Amino acid sequence: SMLLVAIAAPFLGAHADRSGSRRHWLIFFCLVGSVATA
């Protein structure tokens, strides 16, 4: 799980900066994490 995040983090950060989508990505990962937990 940490390997997946480490590889994706720089690219996700770059996309979030360009598109101003930090909030959208936070919502997405919250949904992914909370639903998988449930």
PDB file of all heavy atoms in Angstrom:
ATOM      1  N   SER A   1       0.830  -1.211   0.000  1.00  0.00           N
ATOM      2  CA  SER A   1       0.000   0.000   0.000  1.00  0.00           C
ATOM      3  C   SER A   1       0.861   1.255   0.000  1.00  0.00           C
ATOM      4  O   SER A   1       0.551   2.233  -0.697  1.00  0.00           O
ATOM      5  CB  SER A   1      -0.946  -0.004   1.201  1.00  0.00           C
ATOM      6  OG  SER A   1      -0.240   0.029   2.429  1.00  0.00           O
ATOM      7  N   MET A   2       1.960   1.246   0.745  1.00  0.00           N
ATOM      8  CA  MET A   2       2.846   2.408   0.779  1.00  0.00           C
ATOM      9  C   MET A   2       3.595   2.581  -0.545  1.00  0.00           C
ATOM     10  O   MET A   2       3.843   3.708  -0.983  1.00  0.00           O
ATOM     11  CB  MET A   2       3.855   2.263   1.927  1.00  0.00           C
ATOM     12  CG  MET A   2       3.247   2.421   3.306  1.00  0.00           C
ATOM     13  SD  MET A   2       2.588   4.103   3.595  1.00  0.00           S
ATOM     14  CE  MET A   2       0.864   3.852   3.200  1.00  0.00           C
ATOM     15  N   LEU A   3       3.945   1.463  -1.181  1.00  0.00           N
ATOM     16  CA  LEU A   3       4.610   1.537  -2.484  1.00  0.00           C
ATOM     17  C   LEU A   3       3.695   2.201  -3.514  1.00  0.00           C
ATOM     18  O   LEU A   3       4.142   3.050  -4.291  1.00  0.00           O
ATOM     19  CB  LEU A   3       5.000   0.135  -2.944  1.00  0.00           C
ATOM     20  CG  LEU A   3       5.647   0.029  -4.342  1.00  0.00           C
ATOM     21  CD1 LEU A   3       6.967   0.782  -4.377  1.00  0.00           C
ATOM     22  CD2 LEU A   3       5.858  -1.440  -4.719  1.00  0.00           C
ATOM     23  N   LEU A   4       2.431   1.825  -3.521  1.00  0.00           N
ATOM     24  CA  LEU A   4       1.476   2.409  -4.466  1.00  0.00           C
ATOM     25  C   LEU A   4       1.359   3.916  -4.269  1.00  0.00           C
ATOM     26  O   LEU A   4       1.354   4.686  -5.230  1.00  0.00           O
ATOM     27  CB  LEU A   4       0.104   1.743  -4.294  1.00  0.00           C
ATOM     28  CG  LEU A   4       0.016   0.260  -4.672  1.00  0.00           C
ATOM     29  CD1 LEU A   4      -1.361  -0.295  -4.302  1.00  0.00           C
ATOM     30  CD2 LEU A   4       0.292   0.058  -6.155  1.00  0.00           C
ATOM     31  N   VAL A   5       1.287   4.341  -3.014  1.00  0.00           N
ATOM     32  CA  VAL A   5       1.156   5.774  -2.726  1.00  0.00           C
ATOM     33  C   VAL A   5       2.435   6.520  -3.078  1.00  0.00           C
ATOM     34  O   VAL A   5       2.395   7.608  -3.655  1.00  0.00           O
ATOM     35  CB  VAL A   5       0.784   5.993  -1.241  1.00  0.00           C
ATOM     36  CG1 VAL A   5       0.787   7.480  -0.896  1.00  0.00           C
ATOM     37  CG2 VAL A   5      -0.591   5.402  -0.952  1.00  0.00           C
ATOM     38  N   ALA A   6       3.591   5.941  -2.735  1.00  0.00           N
ATOM     39  CA  ALA A   6       4.876   6.602  -3.010  1.00  0.00           C
ATOM     40  C   ALA A   6       5.076   6.828  -4.502  1.00  0.00           C
ATOM     41  O   ALA A   6       5.557   7.883  -4.926  1.00  0.00           O
ATOM     42  CB  ALA A   6       6.022   5.766  -2.441  1.00  0.00           C
ATOM     43  N   ILE A   7       4.703   5.851  -5.322  1.00  0.00           N
ATOM     44  CA  ILE A   7       4.863   5.985  -6.771  1.00  0.00           C
ATOM     45  C   ILE A   7       3.901   7.029  -7.334  1.00  0.00           C
ATOM     46  O   ILE A   7       4.259   7.833  -8.195  1.00  0.00           O
ATOM     47  CB  ILE A   7       4.648   4.625  -7.454  1.00  0.00           C
ATOM     48  CG1 ILE A   7       5.791   3.671  -7.099  1.00  0.00           C
ATOM     49  CG2 ILE A   7       4.547   4.778  -8.967  1.00  0.00           C
ATOM     50  CD1 ILE A   7       5.574   2.249  -7.584  1.00  0.00           C
ATOM     51  N   ALA A   8       2.671   7.023  -6.818  1.00  0.00           N
ATOM     52  CA  ALA A   8       1.642   7.907  -7.385  1.00  0.00           C
ATOM     53  C   ALA A   8       1.721   9.340  -6.879  1.00  0.00           C
ATOM     54  O   ALA A   8       1.289  10.264  -7.584  1.00  0.00           O
ATOM     55  CB  ALA A   8       0.261   7.329  -7.074  1.00  0.00           C
ATOM     56  N   ALA A   9       2.281   9.547  -5.677  1.00  0.00           N
ATOM     57  CA  ALA A   9       2.212  10.861  -5.029  1.00  0.00           C
ATOM     58  C   ALA A   9       2.746  12.022  -5.876  1.00  0.00           C
ATOM     59  O   ALA A   9       2.072  13.052  -6.001  1.00  0.00           O
ATOM     60  CB  ALA A   9       2.935  10.816  -3.679  1.00  0.00           C
ATOM     61  N   PRO A  10       3.947  11.929  -6.463  1.00  0.00           N
ATOM     62  CA  PRO A  10       4.429  13.080  -7.240  1.00  0.00           C
ATOM     63  C   PRO A  10       3.522  13.429  -8.427  1.00  0.00           C
ATOM     64  O   PRO A  10       3.309  14.604  -8.729  1.00  0.00           O
ATOM     65  CB  PRO A  10       5.821  12.627  -7.717  1.00  0.00           C
ATOM     66  CG  PRO A  10       6.220  11.547  -6.765  1.00  0.00           C
ATOM     67  CD  PRO A  10       4.943  10.860  -6.412  1.00  0.00           C
ATOM     68  N   PHE A  11       2.990  12.418  -9.089  1.00  0.00           N
ATOM     69  CA  PHE A  11       2.135  12.663 -10.248  1.00  0.00           C
ATOM     70  C   PHE A  11       0.788  13.226  -9.829  1.00  0.00           C
ATOM     71  O   PHE A  11       0.242  14.119 -10.479  1.00  0.00           O
ATOM     72  CB  PHE A  11       1.952  11.369 -11.042  1.00  0.00           C
ATOM     73  CG  PHE A  11       3.242  10.794 -11.553  1.00  0.00           C
ATOM     74  CD1 PHE A  11       3.797   9.676 -10.968  1.00  0.00           C
ATOM     75  CD2 PHE A  11       3.917  11.403 -12.603  1.00  0.00           C
ATOM     76  CE1 PHE A  11       4.999   9.161 -11.423  1.00  0.00           C
ATOM     77  CE2 PHE A  11       5.126  10.882 -13.066  1.00  0.00           C
ATOM     78  CZ  PHE A  11       5.666   9.771 -12.477  1.00  0.00           C
ATOM     79  N   LEU A  12       0.245  12.701  -8.722  1.00  0.00           N
ATOM     80  CA  LEU A  12      -1.017  13.234  -8.213  1.00  0.00           C
ATOM     81  C   LEU A  12      -0.859  14.683  -7.779  1.00  0.00           C
ATOM     82  O   LEU A  12      -1.730  15.517  -8.034  1.00  0.00           O
ATOM     83  CB  LEU A  12      -1.501  12.388  -7.032  1.00  0.00           C
ATOM     84  CG  LEU A  12      -1.965  10.967  -7.346  1.00  0.00           C
ATOM     85  CD1 LEU A  12      -2.249  10.202  -6.057  1.00  0.00           C
ATOM     86  CD2 LEU A  12      -3.204  10.989  -8.225  1.00  0.00           C
ATOM     87  N   GLY A  13       0.279  14.978  -7.119  1.00  0.00           N
ATOM     88  CA  GLY A  13       0.532  16.350  -6.696  1.00  0.00           C
ATOM     89  C   GLY A  13       0.645  17.290  -7.871  1.00  0.00           C
ATOM     90  O   GLY A  13       0.111  18.411  -7.852  1.00  0.00           O
ATOM     91  N   ALA A  14       1.333  16.851  -8.926  1.00  0.00           N
ATOM     92  CA  ALA A  14       1.488  17.682 -10.120  1.00  0.00           C
ATOM     93  C   ALA A  14       0.137  17.958 -10.770  1.00  0.00           C
ATOM     94  O   ALA A  14      -0.167  19.094 -11.156  1.00  0.00           O
ATOM     95  CB  ALA A  14       2.420  16.990 -11.114  1.00  0.00           C
ATOM     96  N   HIS A  15      -0.691  16.944 -10.882  1.00  0.00           N
ATOM     97  CA  HIS A  15      -2.008  17.121 -11.485  1.00  0.00           C
ATOM     98  C   HIS A  15      -2.883  18.036 -10.631  1.00  0.00           C
ATOM     99  O   HIS A  15      -3.607  18.894 -11.156  1.00  0.00           O
ATOM    100  CB  HIS A  15      -2.692  15.766 -11.664  1.00  0.00           C
ATOM    101  CG  HIS A  15      -4.057  15.851 -12.246  1.00  0.00           C
ATOM    102  ND1 HIS A  15      -5.196  15.935 -11.466  1.00  0.00           N
ATOM    103  CD2 HIS A  15      -4.488  15.907 -13.540  1.00  0.00           C
ATOM    104  CE1 HIS A  15      -6.262  16.025 -12.248  1.00  0.00           C
ATOM    105  NE2 HIS A  15      -5.851  16.000 -13.507  1.00  0.00           N
ATOM    106  N   ALA A  16      -2.823  17.860  -9.303  1.00  0.00           N
ATOM    107  CA  ALA A  16      -3.627  18.690  -8.414  1.00  0.00           C
ATOM    108  C   ALA A  16      -3.232  20.150  -8.507  1.00  0.00           C
ATOM    109  O   ALA A  16      -4.084  21.047  -8.458  1.00  0.00           O
ATOM    110  CB  ALA A  16      -3.490  18.191  -6.977  1.00  0.00           C
ATOM    111  N   ASP A  17      -1.930  20.424  -8.660  1.00  0.00           N
ATOM    112  CA  ASP A  17      -1.467  21.804  -8.815  1.00  0.00           C
ATOM    113  C   ASP A  17      -1.967  22.420 -10.113  1.00  0.00           C
ATOM    114  O   ASP A  17      -2.438  23.559 -10.137  1.00  0.00           O
ATOM    115  CB  ASP A  17       0.073  21.859  -8.797  1.00  0.00           C
ATOM    116  CG  ASP A  17       0.621  21.786  -7.384  1.00  0.00           C
ATOM    117  OD1 ASP A  17      -0.114  22.168  -6.448  1.00  0.00           O
ATOM    118  OD2 ASP A  17       1.754  21.346  -7.213  1.00  0.00           O
ATOM    119  N   ARG A  18      -1.854  21.675 -11.207  1.00  0.00           N
ATOM    120  CA  ARG A  18      -2.248  22.210 -12.509  1.00  0.00           C
ATOM    121  C   ARG A  18      -3.744  22.468 -12.599  1.00  0.00           C
ATOM    122  O   ARG A  18      -4.179  23.461 -13.178  1.00  0.00           O
ATOM    123  CB  ARG A  18      -1.824  21.248 -13.625  1.00  0.00           C
ATOM    124  CG  ARG A  18      -0.333  21.198 -13.897  1.00  0.00           C
ATOM    125  CD  ARG A  18      -0.048  20.503 -15.221  1.00  0.00           C
ATOM    126  NE  ARG A  18      -0.580  19.143 -15.244  1.00  0.00           N
ATOM    127  CZ  ARG A  18       0.111  18.075 -14.878  1.00  0.00           C
ATOM    128  NH1 ARG A  18       1.360  18.214 -14.466  1.00  0.00           N
ATOM    129  NH2 ARG A  18      -0.422  16.872 -14.925  1.00  0.00           N
ATOM    130  N   SER A  19      -4.524  21.572 -12.021  1.00  0.00           N
ATOM    131  CA  SER A  19      -5.979  21.655 -12.177  1.00  0.00           C
ATOM    132  C   SER A  19      -6.694  22.261 -10.973  1.00  0.00           C
ATOM    133  O   SER A  19      -7.915  22.460 -11.015  1.00  0.00           O
ATOM    134  CB  SER A  19      -6.542  20.248 -12.427  1.00  0.00           C
ATOM    135  OG  SER A  19      -6.219  19.384 -11.346  1.00  0.00           O
ATOM    136  N   GLY A  20      -5.937  22.566  -9.895  1.00  0.00           N
ATOM    137  CA  GLY A  20      -6.571  23.110  -8.705  1.00  0.00           C
ATOM    138  C   GLY A  20      -7.574  22.138  -8.092  1.00  0.00           C
ATOM    139  O   GLY A  20      -8.668  22.543  -7.673  1.00  0.00           O
ATOM    140  N   SER A  21      -7.199  20.870  -8.043  1.00  0.00           N
ATOM    141  CA  SER A  21      -8.166  19.833  -7.649  1.00  0.00           C
ATOM    142  C   SER A  21      -7.783  19.116  -6.358  1.00  0.00           C
ATOM    143  O   SER A  21      -8.084  17.934  -6.195  1.00  0.00           O
ATOM    144  CB  SER A  21      -8.310  18.812  -8.780  1.00  0.00           C
ATOM    145  OG  SER A  21      -7.046  18.256  -9.130  1.00  0.00           O
ATOM    146  N   ARG A  22      -7.104  19.807  -5.449  1.00  0.00           N
ATOM    147  CA  ARG A  22      -6.730  19.159  -4.185  1.00  0.00           C
ATOM    148  C   ARG A  22      -7.954  18.626  -3.450  1.00  0.00           C
ATOM    149  O   ARG A  22      -7.963  17.508  -2.945  1.00  0.00           O
ATOM    150  CB  ARG A  22      -5.995  20.154  -3.284  1.00  0.00           C
ATOM    151  CG  ARG A  22      -4.599  20.515  -3.751  1.00  0.00           C
ATOM    152  CD  ARG A  22      -4.024  21.609  -2.860  1.00  0.00           C
ATOM    153  NE  ARG A  22      -2.712  22.015  -3.299  1.00  0.00           N
ATOM    154  CZ  ARG A  22      -2.488  22.855  -4.305  1.00  0.00           C
ATOM    155  NH1 ARG A  22      -3.509  23.369  -4.957  1.00  0.00           N
ATOM    156  NH2 ARG A  22      -1.259  23.183  -4.659  1.00  0.00           N
ATOM    157  N   ARG A  23      -8.978  19.454  -3.383  1.00  0.00           N
ATOM    158  CA  ARG A  23     -10.196  19.055  -2.679  1.00  0.00           C
ATOM    159  C   ARG A  23     -10.836  17.831  -3.337  1.00  0.00           C
ATOM    160  O   ARG A  23     -11.296  16.919  -2.648  1.00  0.00           O
ATOM    161  CB  ARG A  23     -11.168  20.232  -2.647  1.00  0.00           C
ATOM    162  CG  ARG A  23     -12.529  19.932  -2.047  1.00  0.00           C
ATOM    163  CD  ARG A  23     -13.349  21.207  -1.942  1.00  0.00           C
ATOM    164  NE  ARG A  23     -14.754  20.912  -1.710  1.00  0.00           N
ATOM    165  CZ  ARG A  23     -15.637  20.702  -2.676  1.00  0.00           C
ATOM    166  NH1 ARG A  23     -15.240  20.738  -3.954  1.00  0.00           N
ATOM    167  NH2 ARG A  23     -16.894  20.441  -2.387  1.00  0.00           N
ATOM    168  N   HIS A  24     -10.869  17.825  -4.669  1.00  0.00           N
ATOM    169  CA  HIS A  24     -11.467  16.699  -5.372  1.00  0.00           C
ATOM    170  C   HIS A  24     -10.697  15.397  -5.116  1.00  0.00           C
ATOM    171  O   HIS A  24     -11.294  14.330  -4.921  1.00  0.00           O
ATOM    172  CB  HIS A  24     -11.530  16.987  -6.875  1.00  0.00           C
ATOM    173  CG  HIS A  24     -12.467  18.105  -7.209  1.00  0.00           C
ATOM    174  ND1 HIS A  24     -12.250  18.974  -8.257  1.00  0.00           N
ATOM    175  CD2 HIS A  24     -13.617  18.511  -6.625  1.00  0.00           C
ATOM    176  CE1 HIS A  24     -13.233  19.863  -8.305  1.00  0.00           C
ATOM    177  NE2 HIS A  24     -14.062  19.593  -7.326  1.00  0.00           N
ATOM    178  N   TRP A  25      -9.375  15.488  -5.117  1.00  0.00           N
ATOM    179  CA  TRP A  25      -8.576  14.292  -4.860  1.00  0.00           C
ATOM    180  C   TRP A  25      -8.747  13.823  -3.415  1.00  0.00           C
ATOM    181  O   TRP A  25      -8.766  12.627  -3.134  1.00  0.00           O
ATOM    182  CB  TRP A  25      -7.101  14.559  -5.155  1.00  0.00           C
ATOM    183  CG  TRP A  25      -6.754  14.447  -6.601  1.00  0.00           C
ATOM    184  CD1 TRP A  25      -6.378  15.453  -7.445  1.00  0.00           C
ATOM    185  CD2 TRP A  25      -6.765  13.253  -7.404  1.00  0.00           C
ATOM    186  NE1 TRP A  25      -6.154  14.964  -8.712  1.00  0.00           N
ATOM    187  CE2 TRP A  25      -6.382  13.620  -8.717  1.00  0.00           C
ATOM    188  CE3 TRP A  25      -7.056  11.918  -7.135  1.00  0.00           C
ATOM    189  CZ2 TRP A  25      -6.283  12.694  -9.751  1.00  0.00           C
ATOM    190  CZ3 TRP A  25      -6.960  10.997  -8.162  1.00  0.00           C
ATOM    191  CH2 TRP A  25      -6.582  11.393  -9.452  1.00  0.00           C
ATOM    192  N   LEU A  26      -8.858  14.766  -2.481  1.00  0.00           N
ATOM    193  CA  LEU A  26      -9.082  14.397  -1.088  1.00  0.00           C
ATOM    194  C   LEU A  26     -10.414  13.657  -0.944  1.00  0.00           C
ATOM    195  O   LEU A  26     -10.498  12.628  -0.264  1.00  0.00           O
ATOM    196  CB  LEU A  26      -9.070  15.637  -0.196  1.00  0.00           C
ATOM    197  CG  LEU A  26      -9.376  15.396   1.289  1.00  0.00           C
ATOM    198  CD1 LEU A  26      -8.373  14.427   1.902  1.00  0.00           C
ATOM    199  CD2 LEU A  26      -9.375  16.715   2.055  1.00  0.00           C
ATOM    200  N   ILE A  27     -11.457  14.174  -1.590  1.00  0.00           N
ATOM    201  CA  ILE A  27     -12.766  13.512  -1.549  1.00  0.00           C
ATOM    202  C   ILE A  27     -12.664  12.102  -2.143  1.00  0.00           C
ATOM    203  O   ILE A  27     -13.189  11.139  -1.581  1.00  0.00           O
ATOM    204  CB  ILE A  27     -13.819  14.342  -2.315  1.00  0.00           C
ATOM    205  CG1 ILE A  27     -14.083  15.661  -1.580  1.00  0.00           C
ATOM    206  CG2 ILE A  27     -15.122  13.555  -2.477  1.00  0.00           C
ATOM    207  CD1 ILE A  27     -14.970  16.625  -2.353  1.00  0.00           C
ATOM    208  N   PHE A  28     -11.977  11.999  -3.282  1.00  0.00           N
ATOM    209  CA  PHE A  28     -11.841  10.703  -3.946  1.00  0.00           C
ATOM    210  C   PHE A  28     -11.164   9.682  -3.038  1.00  0.00           C
ATOM    211  O   PHE A  28     -11.660   8.559  -2.848  1.00  0.00           O
ATOM    212  CB  PHE A  28     -11.054  10.865  -5.247  1.00  0.00           C
ATOM    213  CG  PHE A  28     -10.696   9.563  -5.914  1.00  0.00           C
ATOM    214  CD1 PHE A  28     -11.645   8.845  -6.614  1.00  0.00           C
ATOM    215  CD2 PHE A  28      -9.405   9.051  -5.826  1.00  0.00           C
ATOM    216  CE1 PHE A  28     -11.319   7.624  -7.233  1.00  0.00           C
ATOM    217  CE2 PHE A  28      -9.065   7.850  -6.427  1.00  0.00           C
ATOM    218  CZ  PHE A  28     -10.033   7.130  -7.132  1.00  0.00           C
ATOM    219  N   PHE A  29     -10.029  10.054  -2.450  1.00  0.00           N
ATOM    220  CA  PHE A  29      -9.295   9.085  -1.629  1.00  0.00           C
ATOM    221  C   PHE A  29     -10.007   8.803  -0.312  1.00  0.00           C
ATOM    222  O   PHE A  29      -9.903   7.692   0.230  1.00  0.00           O
ATOM    223  CB  PHE A  29      -7.866   9.567  -1.389  1.00  0.00           C
ATOM    224  CG  PHE A  29      -6.972   9.375  -2.577  1.00  0.00           C
ATOM    225  CD1 PHE A  29      -6.430  10.463  -3.250  1.00  0.00           C
ATOM    226  CD2 PHE A  29      -6.694   8.107  -3.045  1.00  0.00           C
ATOM    227  CE1 PHE A  29      -5.621  10.282  -4.362  1.00  0.00           C
ATOM    228  CE2 PHE A  29      -5.887   7.909  -4.154  1.00  0.00           C
ATOM    229  CZ  PHE A  29      -5.355   9.006  -4.815  1.00  0.00           C
ATOM    230  N   CYS A  30     -10.734   9.780   0.192  1.00  0.00           N
ATOM    231  CA  CYS A  30     -11.557   9.532   1.378  1.00  0.00           C
ATOM    232  C   CYS A  30     -12.633   8.489   1.069  1.00  0.00           C
ATOM    233  O   CYS A  30     -12.857   7.565   1.859  1.00  0.00           O
ATOM    234  CB  CYS A  30     -12.189  10.826   1.869  1.00  0.00           C
ATOM    235  SG  CYS A  30     -13.393  10.601   3.194  1.00  0.00           S
ATOM    236  N   LEU A  31     -13.290   8.641  -0.078  1.00  0.00           N
ATOM    237  CA  LEU A  31     -14.321   7.681  -0.476  1.00  0.00           C
ATOM    238  C   LEU A  31     -13.722   6.283  -0.673  1.00  0.00           C
ATOM    239  O   LEU A  31     -14.271   5.281  -0.200  1.00  0.00           O
ATOM    240  CB  LEU A  31     -15.007   8.138  -1.764  1.00  0.00           C
ATOM    241  CG  LEU A  31     -15.980   9.320  -1.631  1.00  0.00           C
ATOM    242  CD1 LEU A  31     -16.423   9.800  -3.004  1.00  0.00           C
ATOM    243  CD2 LEU A  31     -17.188   8.916  -0.794  1.00  0.00           C
ATOM    244  N   VAL A  32     -12.584   6.214  -1.370  1.00  0.00           N
ATOM    245  CA  VAL A  32     -11.923   4.929  -1.596  1.00  0.00           C
ATOM    246  C   VAL A  32     -11.571   4.266  -0.263  1.00  0.00           C
ATOM    247  O   VAL A  32     -11.873   3.091  -0.023  1.00  0.00           O
ATOM    248  CB  VAL A  32     -10.652   5.116  -2.454  1.00  0.00           C
ATOM    249  CG1 VAL A  32      -9.805   3.840  -2.444  1.00  0.00           C
ATOM    250  CG2 VAL A  32     -11.020   5.474  -3.887  1.00  0.00           C
ATOM    251  N   GLY A  33     -10.932   5.042   0.619  1.00  0.00           N
ATOM    252  CA  GLY A  33     -10.489   4.487   1.897  1.00  0.00           C
ATOM    253  C   GLY A  33     -11.634   4.091   2.811  1.00  0.00           C
ATOM    254  O   GLY A  33     -11.632   3.000   3.394  1.00  0.00           O
ATOM    255  N   SER A  34     -12.623   4.964   2.947  1.00  0.00           N
ATOM    256  CA  SER A  34     -13.723   4.694   3.875  1.00  0.00           C
ATOM    257  C   SER A  34     -14.608   3.548   3.386  1.00  0.00           C
ATOM    258  O   SER A  34     -15.049   2.714   4.189  1.00  0.00           O
ATOM    259  CB  SER A  34     -14.557   5.957   4.100  1.00  0.00           C
ATOM    260  OG  SER A  34     -15.127   6.426   2.898  1.00  0.00           O
ATOM    261  N   VAL A  35     -14.861   3.490   2.075  1.00  0.00           N
ATOM    262  CA  VAL A  35     -15.691   2.402   1.533  1.00  0.00           C
ATOM    263  C   VAL A  35     -14.967   1.054   1.670  1.00  0.00           C
ATOM    264  O   VAL A  35     -15.568   0.051   2.078  1.00  0.00           O
ATOM    265  CB  VAL A  35     -16.070   2.678   0.063  1.00  0.00           C
ATOM    266  CG1 VAL A  35     -16.716   1.447  -0.575  1.00  0.00           C
ATOM    267  CG2 VAL A  35     -17.023   3.869  -0.024  1.00  0.00           C
ATOM    268  N   ALA A  36     -13.673   1.013   1.352  1.00  0.00           N
ATOM    269  CA  ALA A  36     -12.909  -0.233   1.511  1.00  0.00           C
ATOM    270  C   ALA A  36     -12.878  -0.659   2.969  1.00  0.00           C
ATOM    271  O   ALA A  36     -12.962  -1.858   3.282  1.00  0.00           O
ATOM    272  CB  ALA A  36     -11.490  -0.050   0.975  1.00  0.00           C
ATOM    273  N   THR A  37     -12.772   0.311   3.883  1.00  0.00           N
ATOM    274  CA  THR A  37     -12.799   0.008   5.318  1.00  0.00           C
ATOM    275  C   THR A  37     -14.140  -0.617   5.706  1.00  0.00           C
ATOM    276  O   THR A  37     -14.185  -1.633   6.406  1.00  0.00           O
ATOM    277  CB  THR A  37     -12.556   1.285   6.140  1.00  0.00           C
ATOM    278  OG1 THR A  37     -11.262   1.811   5.833  1.00  0.00           O
ATOM    279  CG2 THR A  37     -12.635   0.996   7.630  1.00  0.00           C
ATOM    280  N   ALA A  38     -15.230  -0.005   5.261  1.00  0.00           N
ATOM    281  CA  ALA A  38     -16.562  -0.526   5.582  1.00  0.00           C
ATOM    282  C   ALA A  38     -16.768  -1.922   5.004  1.00  0.00           C
ATOM    283  O   ALA A  38     -17.403  -2.786   5.628  1.00  0.00           O
ATOM    284  CB  ALA A  38     -17.639   0.428   5.064  1.00  0.00           C
TER     285      ALA A  38
END
